[in-house]
């Protein structure tokens, strides 16, 4: 085998290896999202929801829900037990009052599914 053929074969194997690693990474990322929906949902919550809806006085969404519910139900979303996935998805995609809606380019459908699963998980 000539040096040119050896170099071409190495380049081909290197590209194939890089593609395999890239494909494996994509499969792993999808697997991680499916395998750890609570972790993925918590990440979405922390990024997009917690600034307004976490527990505590400095969160305007929580403050607004405290005024709305007057103690009848928890105001912090993580403490709620009455949320359902369709309700979570409706509020995220449509917004309500001063809460904005979130586009699929901001929160993907997969991320929204993970968020809904996180906020409606039975173990709290």
PDB file of N, CA and C in Angstrom:
ATOM      1  N   UNK A   1       0.852  -1.173   0.000  1.00  0.00           N
ATOM      2  CA  UNK A   1       0.000   0.000   0.000  1.00  0.00           C
ATOM      3  C   UNK A   1       0.895   1.232   0.000  1.00  0.00           C
ATOM      4  N   UNK A   2       0.604   2.154  -0.862  1.00  0.00           N
ATOM      5  CA  UNK A   2       1.434   3.353  -0.982  1.00  0.00           C
ATOM      6  C   UNK A   2       1.153   4.320   0.169  1.00  0.00           C
ATOM      7  N   UNK A   3       2.037   5.257   0.351  1.00  0.00           N
ATOM      8  CA  UNK A   3       1.882   6.264   1.404  1.00  0.00           C
ATOM      9  C   UNK A   3       0.622   7.093   1.188  1.00  0.00           C
ATOM     10  N   UNK A   4       0.264   7.334  -0.067  1.00  0.00           N
ATOM     11  CA  UNK A   4      -0.951   8.095  -0.374  1.00  0.00           C
ATOM     12  C   UNK A   4      -2.178   7.305   0.069  1.00  0.00           C
ATOM     13  N   UNK A   5      -2.182   6.002  -0.223  1.00  0.00           N
ATOM     14  CA  UNK A   5      -3.309   5.165   0.179  1.00  0.00           C
ATOM     15  C   UNK A   5      -3.424   5.068   1.699  1.00  0.00           C
ATOM     16  N   UNK A   6      -2.294   4.964   2.375  1.00  0.00           N
ATOM     17  CA  UNK A   6      -2.293   4.908   3.840  1.00  0.00           C
ATOM     18  C   UNK A   6      -2.849   6.209   4.408  1.00  0.00           C
ATOM     19  N   UNK A   7      -2.419   7.342   3.887  1.00  0.00           N
ATOM     20  CA  UNK A   7      -2.907   8.643   4.368  1.00  0.00           C
ATOM     21  C   UNK A   7      -4.404   8.785   4.118  1.00  0.00           C
ATOM     22  N   UNK A   8      -4.858   8.363   2.940  1.00  0.00           N
ATOM     23  CA  UNK A   8      -6.288   8.451   2.622  1.00  0.00           C
ATOM     24  C   UNK A   8      -7.103   7.556   3.555  1.00  0.00           C
ATOM     25  N   UNK A   9      -6.592   6.352   3.820  1.00  0.00           N
ATOM     26  CA  UNK A   9      -7.305   5.435   4.717  1.00  0.00           C
ATOM     27  C   UNK A   9      -7.374   5.999   6.134  1.00  0.00           C
ATOM     28  N   UNK A  10      -6.271   6.579   6.607  1.00  0.00           N
ATOM     29  CA  UNK A  10      -6.268   7.192   7.946  1.00  0.00           C
ATOM     30  C   UNK A  10      -7.289   8.324   8.026  1.00  0.00           C
ATOM     31  N   UNK A  11      -7.308   9.169   6.997  1.00  0.00           N
ATOM     32  CA  UNK A  11      -8.257  10.289   6.980  1.00  0.00           C
ATOM     33  C   UNK A  11      -9.685   9.777   6.997  1.00  0.00           C
ATOM     34  N   UNK A  12      -9.955   8.734   6.239  1.00  0.00           N
ATOM     35  CA  UNK A  12     -11.289   8.145   6.191  1.00  0.00           C
ATOM     36  C   UNK A  12     -11.674   7.585   7.552  1.00  0.00           C
ATOM     37  N   UNK A  13     -10.764   6.859   8.182  1.00  0.00           N
ATOM     38  CA  UNK A  13     -11.036   6.298   9.501  1.00  0.00           C
ATOM     39  C   UNK A  13     -11.210   7.392  10.543  1.00  0.00           C
ATOM     40  N   UNK A  14     -10.431   8.457  10.434  1.00  0.00           N
ATOM     41  CA  UNK A  14     -10.553   9.570  11.374  1.00  0.00           C
ATOM     42  C   UNK A  14     -11.921  10.229  11.248  1.00  0.00           C
ATOM     43  N   UNK A  15     -12.391  10.457  10.013  1.00  0.00           N
ATOM     44  CA  UNK A  15     -13.727  11.035   9.802  1.00  0.00           C
ATOM     45  C   UNK A  15     -14.803  10.107  10.339  1.00  0.00           C
ATOM     46  N   UNK A  16     -14.676   8.822  10.060  1.00  0.00           N
ATOM     47  CA  UNK A  16     -15.663   7.848  10.537  1.00  0.00           C
ATOM     48  C   UNK A  16     -15.680   7.815  12.056  1.00  0.00           C
ATOM     49  N   UNK A  17     -14.504   7.865  12.660  1.00  0.00           N
ATOM     50  CA  UNK A  17     -14.430   7.879  14.117  1.00  0.00           C
ATOM     51  C   UNK A  17     -15.059   9.127  14.708  1.00  0.00           C
ATOM     52  N   UNK A  18     -14.792  10.252  14.084  1.00  0.00           N
ATOM     53  CA  UNK A  18     -15.379  11.510  14.566  1.00  0.00           C
ATOM     54  C   UNK A  18     -16.890  11.485  14.433  1.00  0.00           C
ATOM     55  N   UNK A  19     -17.389  10.963  13.324  1.00  0.00           N
ATOM     56  CA  UNK A  19     -18.840  10.857  13.147  1.00  0.00           C
ATOM     57  C   UNK A  19     -19.445   9.909  14.163  1.00  0.00           C
ATOM     58  N   UNK A  20     -18.770   8.814  14.443  1.00  0.00           N
ATOM     59  CA  UNK A  20     -19.267   7.862  15.436  1.00  0.00           C
ATOM     60  C   UNK A  20     -19.333   8.499  16.817  1.00  0.00           C
ATOM     61  N   UNK A  21     -18.305   9.231  17.181  1.00  0.00           N
ATOM     62  CA  UNK A  21     -18.291   9.906  18.471  1.00  0.00           C
ATOM     63  C   UNK A  21     -19.407  10.943  18.537  1.00  0.00           C
ATOM     64  N   UNK A  22     -19.588  11.693  17.454  1.00  0.00           N
ATOM     65  CA  UNK A  22     -20.659  12.698  17.400  1.00  0.00           C
ATOM     66  C   UNK A  22     -22.025  12.030  17.527  1.00  0.00           C
ATOM     67  N   UNK A  23     -22.244  10.960  16.790  1.00  0.00           N
ATOM     68  CA  UNK A  23     -23.525  10.244  16.855  1.00  0.00           C
ATOM     69  C   UNK A  23     -23.743   9.672  18.244  1.00  0.00           C
ATOM     70  N   UNK A  24     -22.690   9.116  18.830  1.00  0.00           N
ATOM     71  CA  UNK A  24     -22.801   8.578  20.174  1.00  0.00           C
ATOM     72  C   UNK A  24     -23.172   9.688  21.158  1.00  0.00           C
ATOM     73  N   UNK A  25     -22.590  10.861  20.981  1.00  0.00           N
ATOM     74  CA  UNK A  25     -22.919  11.993  21.848  1.00  0.00           C
ATOM     75  C   UNK A  25     -24.381  12.388  21.732  1.00  0.00           C
ATOM     76  N   UNK A  26     -24.905  12.399  20.517  1.00  0.00           N
ATOM     77  CA  UNK A  26     -26.318  12.737  20.324  1.00  0.00           C
ATOM     78  C   UNK A  26     -27.223  11.691  20.951  1.00  0.00           C
ATOM     79  N   UNK A  27     -26.873  10.432  20.771  1.00  0.00           N
ATOM     80  CA  UNK A  27     -27.667   9.354  21.387  1.00  0.00           C
ATOM     81  C   UNK A  27     -27.614   9.478  22.901  1.00  0.00           C
ATOM     82  N   UNK A  28     -26.424   9.730  23.437  1.00  0.00           N
ATOM     83  CA  UNK A  28     -26.282   9.865  24.881  1.00  0.00           C
ATOM     84  C   UNK A  28     -27.091  11.050  25.405  1.00  0.00           C
ATOM     85  N   UNK A  29     -27.072  12.176  24.703  1.00  0.00           N
ATOM     86  CA  UNK A  29     -27.826  13.355  25.147  1.00  0.00           C
ATOM     87  C   UNK A  29     -29.317  13.042  25.188  1.00  0.00           C
ATOM     88  N   UNK A  30     -29.822  12.371  24.177  1.00  0.00           N
ATOM     89  CA  UNK A  30     -31.228  11.989  24.167  1.00  0.00           C
ATOM     90  C   UNK A  30     -31.538  10.999  25.267  1.00  0.00           C
ATOM     91  N   UNK A  31     -30.621  10.057  25.503  1.00  0.00           N
ATOM     92  CA  UNK A  31     -30.796   9.069  26.561  1.00  0.00           C
ATOM     93  C   UNK A  31     -30.799   9.748  27.925  1.00  0.00           C
ATOM     94  N   UNK A  32     -29.903  10.700  28.119  1.00  0.00           N
ATOM     95  CA  UNK A  32     -29.827  11.397  29.402  1.00  0.00           C
ATOM     96  C   UNK A  32     -31.117  12.158  29.677  1.00  0.00           C
ATOM     97  N   UNK A  33     -31.687  12.780  28.662  1.00  0.00           N
ATOM     98  CA  UNK A  33     -32.942  13.507  28.846  1.00  0.00           C
ATOM     99  C   UNK A  33     -34.053  12.543  29.211  1.00  0.00           C
ATOM    100  N   UNK A  34     -34.113  11.386  28.542  1.00  0.00           N
ATOM    101  CA  UNK A  34     -35.146  10.400  28.823  1.00  0.00           C
ATOM    102  C   UNK A  34     -34.905   9.710  30.163  1.00  0.00           C
ATOM    103  N   UNK A  35     -33.643   9.434  30.484  1.00  0.00           N
ATOM    104  CA  UNK A  35     -33.323   8.689  31.700  1.00  0.00           C
ATOM    105  C   UNK A  35     -33.465   9.539  32.952  1.00  0.00           C
ATOM    106  N   UNK A  36     -33.262  10.823  32.841  1.00  0.00           N
ATOM    107  CA  UNK A  36     -33.304  11.690  34.000  1.00  0.00           C
ATOM    108  C   UNK A  36     -34.266  12.852  33.772  1.00  0.00           C
ATOM    109  N   UNK A  37     -35.558  12.558  33.588  1.00  0.00           N
ATOM    110  CA  UNK A  37     -36.487  13.662  33.314  1.00  0.00           C
ATOM    111  C   UNK A  37     -36.595  14.649  34.465  1.00  0.00           C
ATOM    112  N   UNK A  38     -36.452  14.151  35.709  1.00  0.00           N
ATOM    113  CA  UNK A  38     -36.537  15.080  36.825  1.00  0.00           C
ATOM    114  C   UNK A  38     -35.376  16.065  36.788  1.00  0.00           C
ATOM    115  N   UNK A  39     -34.179  15.567  36.497  1.00  0.00           N
ATOM    116  CA  UNK A  39     -33.011  16.444  36.396  1.00  0.00           C
ATOM    117  C   UNK A  39     -33.186  17.442  35.248  1.00  0.00           C
ATOM    118  N   UNK A  40     -33.626  16.943  34.094  1.00  0.00           N
ATOM    119  CA  UNK A  40     -33.842  17.823  32.938  1.00  0.00           C
ATOM    120  C   UNK A  40     -34.939  18.843  33.245  1.00  0.00           C
ATOM    121  N   UNK A  41     -36.016  18.385  33.876  1.00  0.00           N
ATOM    122  CA  UNK A  41     -37.110  19.290  34.236  1.00  0.00           C
ATOM    123  C   UNK A  41     -36.682  20.341  35.231  1.00  0.00           C
ATOM    124  N   UNK A  42     -35.855  19.926  36.201  1.00  0.00           N
ATOM    125  CA  UNK A  42     -35.336  20.894  37.183  1.00  0.00           C
ATOM    126  C   UNK A  42     -34.471  21.942  36.505  1.00  0.00           C
ATOM    127  N   UNK A  43     -33.669  21.531  35.527  1.00  0.00           N
ATOM    128  CA  UNK A  43     -32.822  22.488  34.801  1.00  0.00           C
ATOM    129  C   UNK A  43     -33.678  23.507  34.054  1.00  0.00           C
ATOM    130  N   UNK A  44     -34.740  23.055  33.406  1.00  0.00           N
ATOM    131  CA  UNK A  44     -35.639  23.976  32.702  1.00  0.00           C
ATOM    132  C   UNK A  44     -36.288  24.916  33.707  1.00  0.00           C
ATOM    133  N   UNK A  45     -36.752  24.370  34.827  1.00  0.00           N
ATOM    134  CA  UNK A  45     -37.380  25.190  35.862  1.00  0.00           C
ATOM    135  C   UNK A  45     -36.409  26.255  36.366  1.00  0.00           C
ATOM    136  N   UNK A  46     -35.187  25.836  36.695  1.00  0.00           N
ATOM    137  CA  UNK A  46     -34.197  26.778  37.226  1.00  0.00           C
ATOM    138  C   UNK A  46     -33.888  27.894  36.230  1.00  0.00           C
ATOM    139  N   UNK A  47     -33.795  27.555  34.958  1.00  0.00           N
ATOM    140  CA  UNK A  47     -33.449  28.557  33.949  1.00  0.00           C
ATOM    141  C   UNK A  47     -34.608  29.507  33.655  1.00  0.00           C
ATOM    142  N   UNK A  48     -35.797  28.949  33.410  1.00  0.00           N
ATOM    143  CA  UNK A  48     -36.895  29.758  32.889  1.00  0.00           C
ATOM    144  C   UNK A  48     -37.950  30.149  33.924  1.00  0.00           C
ATOM    145  N   UNK A  49     -38.171  29.331  34.941  1.00  0.00           N
ATOM    146  CA  UNK A  49     -39.310  29.548  35.845  1.00  0.00           C
ATOM    147  C   UNK A  49     -38.911  30.114  37.210  1.00  0.00           C
ATOM    148  N   UNK A  50     -37.807  29.608  37.766  1.00  0.00           N
ATOM    149  CA  UNK A  50     -37.426  29.984  39.125  1.00  0.00           C
ATOM    150  C   UNK A  50     -37.258  31.488  39.345  1.00  0.00           C
ATOM    151  N   UNK A  51     -36.739  32.238  38.370  1.00  0.00           N
ATOM    152  CA  UNK A  51     -36.607  33.675  38.638  1.00  0.00           C
ATOM    153  C   UNK A  51     -37.916  34.346  39.062  1.00  0.00           C
ATOM    154  N   UNK A  52     -39.039  33.825  38.598  1.00  0.00           N
ATOM    155  CA  UNK A  52     -40.334  34.396  38.991  1.00  0.00           C
ATOM    156  C   UNK A  52     -41.112  33.504  39.954  1.00  0.00           C
ATOM    157  N   UNK A  53     -40.925  32.191  39.870  1.00  0.00           N
ATOM    158  CA  UNK A  53     -41.820  31.267  40.568  1.00  0.00           C
ATOM    159  C   UNK A  53     -41.188  30.415  41.656  1.00  0.00           C
ATOM    160  N   UNK A  54     -39.949  30.665  42.050  1.00  0.00           N
ATOM    161  CA  UNK A  54     -39.359  29.912  43.155  1.00  0.00           C
ATOM    162  C   UNK A  54     -39.938  30.419  44.472  1.00  0.00           C
ATOM    163  N   UNK A  55     -39.709  29.667  45.529  1.00  0.00           N
ATOM    164  CA  UNK A  55     -40.179  30.086  46.852  1.00  0.00           C
ATOM    165  C   UNK A  55     -39.391  31.310  47.309  1.00  0.00           C
ATOM    166  N   UNK A  56     -40.037  32.158  48.066  1.00  0.00           N
ATOM    167  CA  UNK A  56     -39.354  33.318  48.626  1.00  0.00           C
ATOM    168  C   UNK A  56     -39.966  34.626  48.186  1.00  0.00           C
ATOM    169  N   UNK A  57     -39.622  35.684  48.898  1.00  0.00           N
ATOM    170  CA  UNK A  57     -40.257  36.986  48.669  1.00  0.00           C
ATOM    171  C   UNK A  57     -39.793  37.737  47.421  1.00  0.00           C
ATOM    172  N   UNK A  58     -38.661  37.384  46.864  1.00  0.00           N
ATOM    173  CA  UNK A  58     -38.130  38.135  45.724  1.00  0.00           C
ATOM    174  C   UNK A  58     -38.490  37.525  44.379  1.00  0.00           C
ATOM    175  N   UNK A  59     -39.608  36.830  44.325  1.00  0.00           N
ATOM    176  CA  UNK A  59     -40.046  36.169  43.097  1.00  0.00           C
ATOM    177  C   UNK A  59     -41.446  36.664  42.750  1.00  0.00           C
ATOM    178  N   UNK A  60     -41.562  37.536  41.747  1.00  0.00           N
ATOM    179  CA  UNK A  60     -42.836  38.193  41.472  1.00  0.00           C
ATOM    180  C   UNK A  60     -43.975  37.239  41.125  1.00  0.00           C
ATOM    181  N   UNK A  61     -43.705  36.139  40.454  1.00  0.00           N
ATOM    182  CA  UNK A  61     -44.773  35.175  40.141  1.00  0.00           C
ATOM    183  C   UNK A  61     -45.315  34.535  41.401  1.00  0.00           C
ATOM    184  N   UNK A  62     -44.428  34.188  42.315  1.00  0.00           N
ATOM    185  CA  UNK A  62     -44.849  33.600  43.586  1.00  0.00           C
ATOM    186  C   UNK A  62     -45.638  34.615  44.399  1.00  0.00           C
ATOM    187  N   UNK A  63     -45.173  35.844  44.417  1.00  0.00           N
ATOM    188  CA  UNK A  63     -45.886  36.906  45.139  1.00  0.00           C
ATOM    189  C   UNK A  63     -47.289  37.099  44.563  1.00  0.00           C
ATOM    190  N   UNK A  64     -47.404  37.087  43.237  1.00  0.00           N
ATOM    191  CA  UNK A  64     -48.725  37.251  42.605  1.00  0.00           C
ATOM    192  C   UNK A  64     -49.643  36.081  42.937  1.00  0.00           C
ATOM    193  N   UNK A  65     -49.090  34.860  42.947  1.00  0.00           N
ATOM    194  CA  UNK A  65     -49.924  33.696  43.266  1.00  0.00           C
ATOM    195  C   UNK A  65     -50.311  33.669  44.739  1.00  0.00           C
ATOM    196  N   UNK A  66     -49.454  34.187  45.615  1.00  0.00           N
ATOM    197  CA  UNK A  66     -49.820  34.312  47.031  1.00  0.00           C
ATOM    198  C   UNK A  66     -51.036  35.216  47.180  1.00  0.00           C
ATOM    199  N   UNK A  67     -51.028  36.330  46.477  1.00  0.00           N
ATOM    200  CA  UNK A  67     -52.166  37.258  46.528  1.00  0.00           C
ATOM    201  C   UNK A  67     -53.416  36.620  45.924  1.00  0.00           C
ATOM    202  N   UNK A  68     -53.258  35.867  44.863  1.00  0.00           N
ATOM    203  CA  UNK A  68     -54.397  35.224  44.209  1.00  0.00           C
ATOM    204  C   UNK A  68     -55.001  34.122  45.078  1.00  0.00           C
ATOM    205  N   UNK A  69     -54.154  33.259  45.628  1.00  0.00           N
ATOM    206  CA  UNK A  69     -54.648  32.084  46.357  1.00  0.00           C
ATOM    207  C   UNK A  69     -54.935  32.354  47.826  1.00  0.00           C
ATOM    208  N   UNK A  70     -54.387  33.410  48.386  1.00  0.00           N
ATOM    209  CA  UNK A  70     -54.628  33.790  49.789  1.00  0.00           C
ATOM    210  C   UNK A  70     -54.471  32.601  50.744  1.00  0.00           C
ATOM    211  N   UNK A  71     -53.429  31.789  50.504  1.00  0.00           N
ATOM    212  CA  UNK A  71     -53.147  30.660  51.383  1.00  0.00           C
ATOM    213  C   UNK A  71     -53.923  29.382  51.081  1.00  0.00           C
ATOM    214  N   UNK A  72     -54.841  29.419  50.123  1.00  0.00           N
ATOM    215  CA  UNK A  72     -55.632  28.231  49.799  1.00  0.00           C
ATOM    216  C   UNK A  72     -54.791  27.127  49.154  1.00  0.00           C
ATOM    217  N   UNK A  73     -53.712  27.504  48.495  1.00  0.00           N
ATOM    218  CA  UNK A  73     -52.764  26.540  47.916  1.00  0.00           C
ATOM    219  C   UNK A  73     -51.400  27.197  47.886  1.00  0.00           C
ATOM    220  N   UNK A  74     -50.338  26.398  47.808  1.00  0.00           N
ATOM    221  CA  UNK A  74     -48.989  26.985  47.787  1.00  0.00           C
ATOM    222  C   UNK A  74     -48.789  27.888  46.568  1.00  0.00           C
ATOM    223  N   UNK A  75     -48.052  28.946  46.771  1.00  0.00           N
ATOM    224  CA  UNK A  75     -47.784  29.881  45.681  1.00  0.00           C
ATOM    225  C   UNK A  75     -46.549  29.479  44.880  1.00  0.00           C
ATOM    226  N   UNK A  76     -45.560  28.862  45.527  1.00  0.00           N
ATOM    227  CA  UNK A  76     -44.345  28.425  44.833  1.00  0.00           C
ATOM    228  C   UNK A  76     -44.677  27.180  44.008  1.00  0.00           C
ATOM    229  N   UNK A  77     -44.337  27.206  42.720  1.00  0.00           N
ATOM    230  CA  UNK A  77     -44.736  26.110  41.824  1.00  0.00           C
ATOM    231  C   UNK A  77     -44.187  24.765  42.248  1.00  0.00           C
ATOM    232  N   UNK A  78     -42.978  24.709  42.779  1.00  0.00           N
ATOM    233  CA  UNK A  78     -42.392  23.434  43.190  1.00  0.00           C
ATOM    234  C   UNK A  78     -43.139  22.798  44.360  1.00  0.00           C
ATOM    235  N   UNK A  79     -43.915  23.569  45.086  1.00  0.00           N
ATOM    236  CA  UNK A  79     -44.649  23.056  46.237  1.00  0.00           C
ATOM    237  C   UNK A  79     -46.069  22.631  45.887  1.00  0.00           C
ATOM    238  N   UNK A  80     -46.481  22.892  44.664  1.00  0.00           N
ATOM    239  CA  UNK A  80     -47.853  22.579  44.255  1.00  0.00           C
ATOM    240  C   UNK A  80     -48.027  21.087  44.024  1.00  0.00           C
ATOM    241  N   UNK A  81     -49.193  20.570  44.374  1.00  0.00           N
ATOM    242  CA  UNK A  81     -49.523  19.172  44.116  1.00  0.00           C
ATOM    243  C   UNK A  81     -50.755  19.057  43.223  1.00  0.00           C
ATOM    244  N   UNK A  82     -51.307  20.180  42.821  1.00  0.00           N
ATOM    245  CA  UNK A  82     -52.530  20.172  42.021  1.00  0.00           C
ATOM    246  C   UNK A  82     -52.284  20.427  40.534  1.00  0.00           C
ATOM    247  N   UNK A  83     -51.040  20.581  40.136  1.00  0.00           N
ATOM    248  CA  UNK A  83     -50.735  20.854  38.732  1.00  0.00           C
ATOM    249  C   UNK A  83     -50.789  19.565  37.914  1.00  0.00           C
ATOM    250  N   UNK A  84     -51.209  19.689  36.671  1.00  0.00           N
ATOM    251  CA  UNK A  84     -51.203  18.564  35.734  1.00  0.00           C
ATOM    252  C   UNK A  84     -50.333  18.946  34.535  1.00  0.00           C
ATOM    253  N   UNK A  85     -49.806  17.962  33.815  1.00  0.00           N
ATOM    254  CA  UNK A  85     -48.991  18.307  32.641  1.00  0.00           C
ATOM    255  C   UNK A  85     -49.706  19.219  31.638  1.00  0.00           C
ATOM    256  N   UNK A  86     -50.987  18.980  31.306  1.00  0.00           N
ATOM    257  CA  UNK A  86     -51.646  19.899  30.359  1.00  0.00           C
ATOM    258  C   UNK A  86     -51.737  21.334  30.876  1.00  0.00           C
ATOM    259  N   UNK A  87     -51.943  21.511  32.166  1.00  0.00           N
ATOM    260  CA  UNK A  87     -52.022  22.862  32.739  1.00  0.00           C
ATOM    261  C   UNK A  87     -50.662  23.557  32.643  1.00  0.00           C
ATOM    262  N   UNK A  88     -49.604  22.849  33.019  1.00  0.00           N
ATOM    263  CA  UNK A  88     -48.255  23.423  32.932  1.00  0.00           C
ATOM    264  C   UNK A  88     -47.954  23.836  31.495  1.00  0.00           C
ATOM    265  N   UNK A  89     -48.235  22.939  30.556  1.00  0.00           N
ATOM    266  CA  UNK A  89     -47.945  23.220  29.148  1.00  0.00           C
ATOM    267  C   UNK A  89     -48.770  24.397  28.623  1.00  0.00           C
ATOM    268  N   UNK A  90     -50.014  24.494  29.042  1.00  0.00           N
ATOM    269  CA  UNK A  90     -50.884  25.603  28.619  1.00  0.00           C
ATOM    270  C   UNK A  90     -50.311  26.944  29.077  1.00  0.00           C
ATOM    271  N   UNK A  91     -49.946  27.041  30.363  1.00  0.00           N
ATOM    272  CA  UNK A  91     -49.419  28.299  30.875  1.00  0.00           C
ATOM    273  C   UNK A  91     -48.089  28.660  30.223  1.00  0.00           C
ATOM    274  N   UNK A  92     -47.233  27.658  29.982  1.00  0.00           N
ATOM    275  CA  UNK A  92     -45.938  27.938  29.363  1.00  0.00           C
ATOM    276  C   UNK A  92     -46.111  28.415  27.927  1.00  0.00           C
ATOM    277  N   UNK A  93     -46.949  27.749  27.165  1.00  0.00           N
ATOM    278  CA  UNK A  93     -47.105  28.100  25.745  1.00  0.00           C
ATOM    279  C   UNK A  93     -47.995  29.317  25.520  1.00  0.00           C
ATOM    280  N   UNK A  94     -48.969  29.556  26.384  1.00  0.00           N
ATOM    281  CA  UNK A  94     -49.917  30.664  26.172  1.00  0.00           C
ATOM    282  C   UNK A  94     -49.673  31.864  27.079  1.00  0.00           C
ATOM    283  N   UNK A  95     -48.988  31.641  28.220  1.00  0.00           N
ATOM    284  CA  UNK A  95     -48.816  32.722  29.178  1.00  0.00           C
ATOM    285  C   UNK A  95     -50.119  32.997  29.910  1.00  0.00           C
ATOM    286  N   UNK A  96     -50.072  33.879  30.880  1.00  0.00           N
ATOM    287  CA  UNK A  96     -51.267  34.277  31.623  1.00  0.00           C
ATOM    288  C   UNK A  96     -50.958  35.598  32.326  1.00  0.00           C
ATOM    289  N   UNK A  97     -51.903  36.504  32.299  1.00  0.00           N
ATOM    290  CA  UNK A  97     -51.745  37.819  32.917  1.00  0.00           C
ATOM    291  C   UNK A  97     -50.439  38.454  32.430  1.00  0.00           C
ATOM    292  N   UNK A  98     -49.521  38.777  33.332  1.00  0.00           N
ATOM    293  CA  UNK A  98     -48.266  39.393  32.904  1.00  0.00           C
ATOM    294  C   UNK A  98     -47.175  38.363  32.603  1.00  0.00           C
ATOM    295  N   UNK A  99     -47.465  37.083  32.836  1.00  0.00           N
ATOM    296  CA  UNK A  99     -46.485  36.036  32.503  1.00  0.00           C
ATOM    297  C   UNK A  99     -46.456  35.869  30.990  1.00  0.00           C
ATOM    298  N   UNK A 100     -45.264  35.954  30.401  1.00  0.00           N
ATOM    299  CA  UNK A 100     -45.183  35.808  28.942  1.00  0.00           C
ATOM    300  C   UNK A 100     -45.337  34.348  28.514  1.00  0.00           C
ATOM    301  N   UNK A 101     -45.663  34.139  27.260  1.00  0.00           N
ATOM    302  CA  UNK A 101     -45.637  32.787  26.695  1.00  0.00           C
ATOM    303  C   UNK A 101     -44.208  32.485  26.275  1.00  0.00           C
ATOM    304  N   UNK A 102     -43.891  31.197  26.168  1.00  0.00           N
ATOM    305  CA  UNK A 102     -42.556  30.785  25.751  1.00  0.00           C
ATOM    306  C   UNK A 102     -42.645  29.997  24.457  1.00  0.00           C
ATOM    307  N   UNK A 103     -41.855  30.428  23.475  1.00  0.00           N
ATOM    308  CA  UNK A 103     -41.830  29.785  22.160  1.00  0.00           C
ATOM    309  C   UNK A 103     -41.064  28.467  22.215  1.00  0.00           C
ATOM    310  N   UNK A 104     -41.271  27.634  21.201  1.00  0.00           N
ATOM    311  CA  UNK A 104     -40.551  26.367  21.099  1.00  0.00           C
ATOM    312  C   UNK A 104     -39.058  26.589  20.898  1.00  0.00           C
ATOM    313  N   UNK A 105     -38.679  27.766  20.436  1.00  0.00           N
ATOM    314  CA  UNK A 105     -37.255  28.074  20.291  1.00  0.00           C
ATOM    315  C   UNK A 105     -36.629  28.448  21.637  1.00  0.00           C
ATOM    316  N   UNK A 106     -37.453  28.729  22.631  1.00  0.00           N
ATOM    317  CA  UNK A 106     -36.958  29.032  23.971  1.00  0.00           C
ATOM    318  C   UNK A 106     -37.014  27.776  24.851  1.00  0.00           C
ATOM    319  N   UNK A 107     -38.189  27.169  24.905  1.00  0.00           N
ATOM    320  CA  UNK A 107     -38.390  25.911  25.632  1.00  0.00           C
ATOM    321  C   UNK A 107     -38.919  24.908  24.610  1.00  0.00           C
ATOM    322  N   UNK A 108     -38.098  23.948  24.256  1.00  0.00           N
ATOM    323  CA  UNK A 108     -38.507  22.959  23.250  1.00  0.00           C
ATOM    324  C   UNK A 108     -39.630  22.080  23.797  1.00  0.00           C
ATOM    325  N   UNK A 109     -40.280  21.334  22.924  1.00  0.00           N
ATOM    326  CA  UNK A 109     -41.337  20.420  23.364  1.00  0.00           C
ATOM    327  C   UNK A 109     -40.785  19.379  24.333  1.00  0.00           C
ATOM    328  N   UNK A 110     -39.584  18.875  24.064  1.00  0.00           N
ATOM    329  CA  UNK A 110     -38.972  17.887  24.967  1.00  0.00           C
ATOM    330  C   UNK A 110     -38.679  18.514  26.330  1.00  0.00           C
ATOM    331  N   UNK A 111     -38.189  19.745  26.331  1.00  0.00           N
ATOM    332  CA  UNK A 111     -37.931  20.437  27.595  1.00  0.00           C
ATOM    333  C   UNK A 111     -39.231  20.717  28.334  1.00  0.00           C
ATOM    334  N   UNK A 112     -40.275  21.066  27.596  1.00  0.00           N
ATOM    335  CA  UNK A 112     -41.574  21.318  28.213  1.00  0.00           C
ATOM    336  C   UNK A 112     -42.138  20.037  28.817  1.00  0.00           C
ATOM    337  N   UNK A 113     -41.978  18.923  28.135  1.00  0.00           N
ATOM    338  CA  UNK A 113     -42.405  17.637  28.690  1.00  0.00           C
ATOM    339  C   UNK A 113     -41.662  17.350  29.995  1.00  0.00           C
ATOM    340  N   UNK A 114     -40.354  17.590  30.005  1.00  0.00           N
ATOM    341  CA  UNK A 114     -39.555  17.362  31.210  1.00  0.00           C
ATOM    342  C   UNK A 114     -39.981  18.303  32.333  1.00  0.00           C
ATOM    343  N   UNK A 115     -40.249  19.562  32.003  1.00  0.00           N
ATOM    344  CA  UNK A 115     -40.706  20.529  32.999  1.00  0.00           C
ATOM    345  C   UNK A 115     -42.047  20.101  33.586  1.00  0.00           C
ATOM    346  N   UNK A 116     -42.978  19.711  32.728  1.00  0.00           N
ATOM    347  CA  UNK A 116     -44.297  19.279  33.192  1.00  0.00           C
ATOM    348  C   UNK A 116     -44.171  18.049  34.086  1.00  0.00           C
ATOM    349  N   UNK A 117     -43.307  17.114  33.714  1.00  0.00           N
ATOM    350  CA  UNK A 117     -43.094  15.924  34.550  1.00  0.00           C
ATOM    351  C   UNK A 117     -42.483  16.316  35.898  1.00  0.00           C
ATOM    352  N   UNK A 118     -41.556  17.263  35.891  1.00  0.00           N
ATOM    353  CA  UNK A 118     -40.921  17.705  37.123  1.00  0.00           C
ATOM    354  C   UNK A 118     -41.939  18.385  38.057  1.00  0.00           C
ATOM    355  N   UNK A 119     -42.764  19.262  37.523  1.00  0.00           N
ATOM    356  CA  UNK A 119     -43.714  20.001  38.363  1.00  0.00           C
ATOM    357  C   UNK A 119     -44.913  19.166  38.794  1.00  0.00           C
ATOM    358  N   UNK A 120     -45.111  18.024  38.170  1.00  0.00           N
ATOM    359  CA  UNK A 120     -46.261  17.179  38.525  1.00  0.00           C
ATOM    360  C   UNK A 120     -45.824  15.837  39.091  1.00  0.00           C
ATOM    361  N   UNK A 121     -44.535  15.698  39.429  1.00  0.00           N
ATOM    362  CA  UNK A 121     -44.040  14.429  39.965  1.00  0.00           C
ATOM    363  C   UNK A 121     -44.759  14.113  41.277  1.00  0.00           C
ATOM    364  N   UNK A 122     -45.079  12.841  41.488  1.00  0.00           N
ATOM    365  CA  UNK A 122     -45.835  12.471  42.687  1.00  0.00           C
ATOM    366  C   UNK A 122     -45.035  12.573  43.984  1.00  0.00           C
ATOM    367  N   UNK A 123     -43.745  12.276  43.935  1.00  0.00           N
ATOM    368  CA  UNK A 123     -42.938  12.332  45.158  1.00  0.00           C
ATOM    369  C   UNK A 123     -42.445  13.750  45.384  1.00  0.00           C
ATOM    370  N   UNK A 124     -42.791  14.297  46.498  1.00  0.00           N
ATOM    371  CA  UNK A 124     -42.398  15.675  46.810  1.00  0.00           C
ATOM    372  C   UNK A 124     -41.832  15.744  48.195  1.00  0.00           C
TER     373      UNK A 124
END
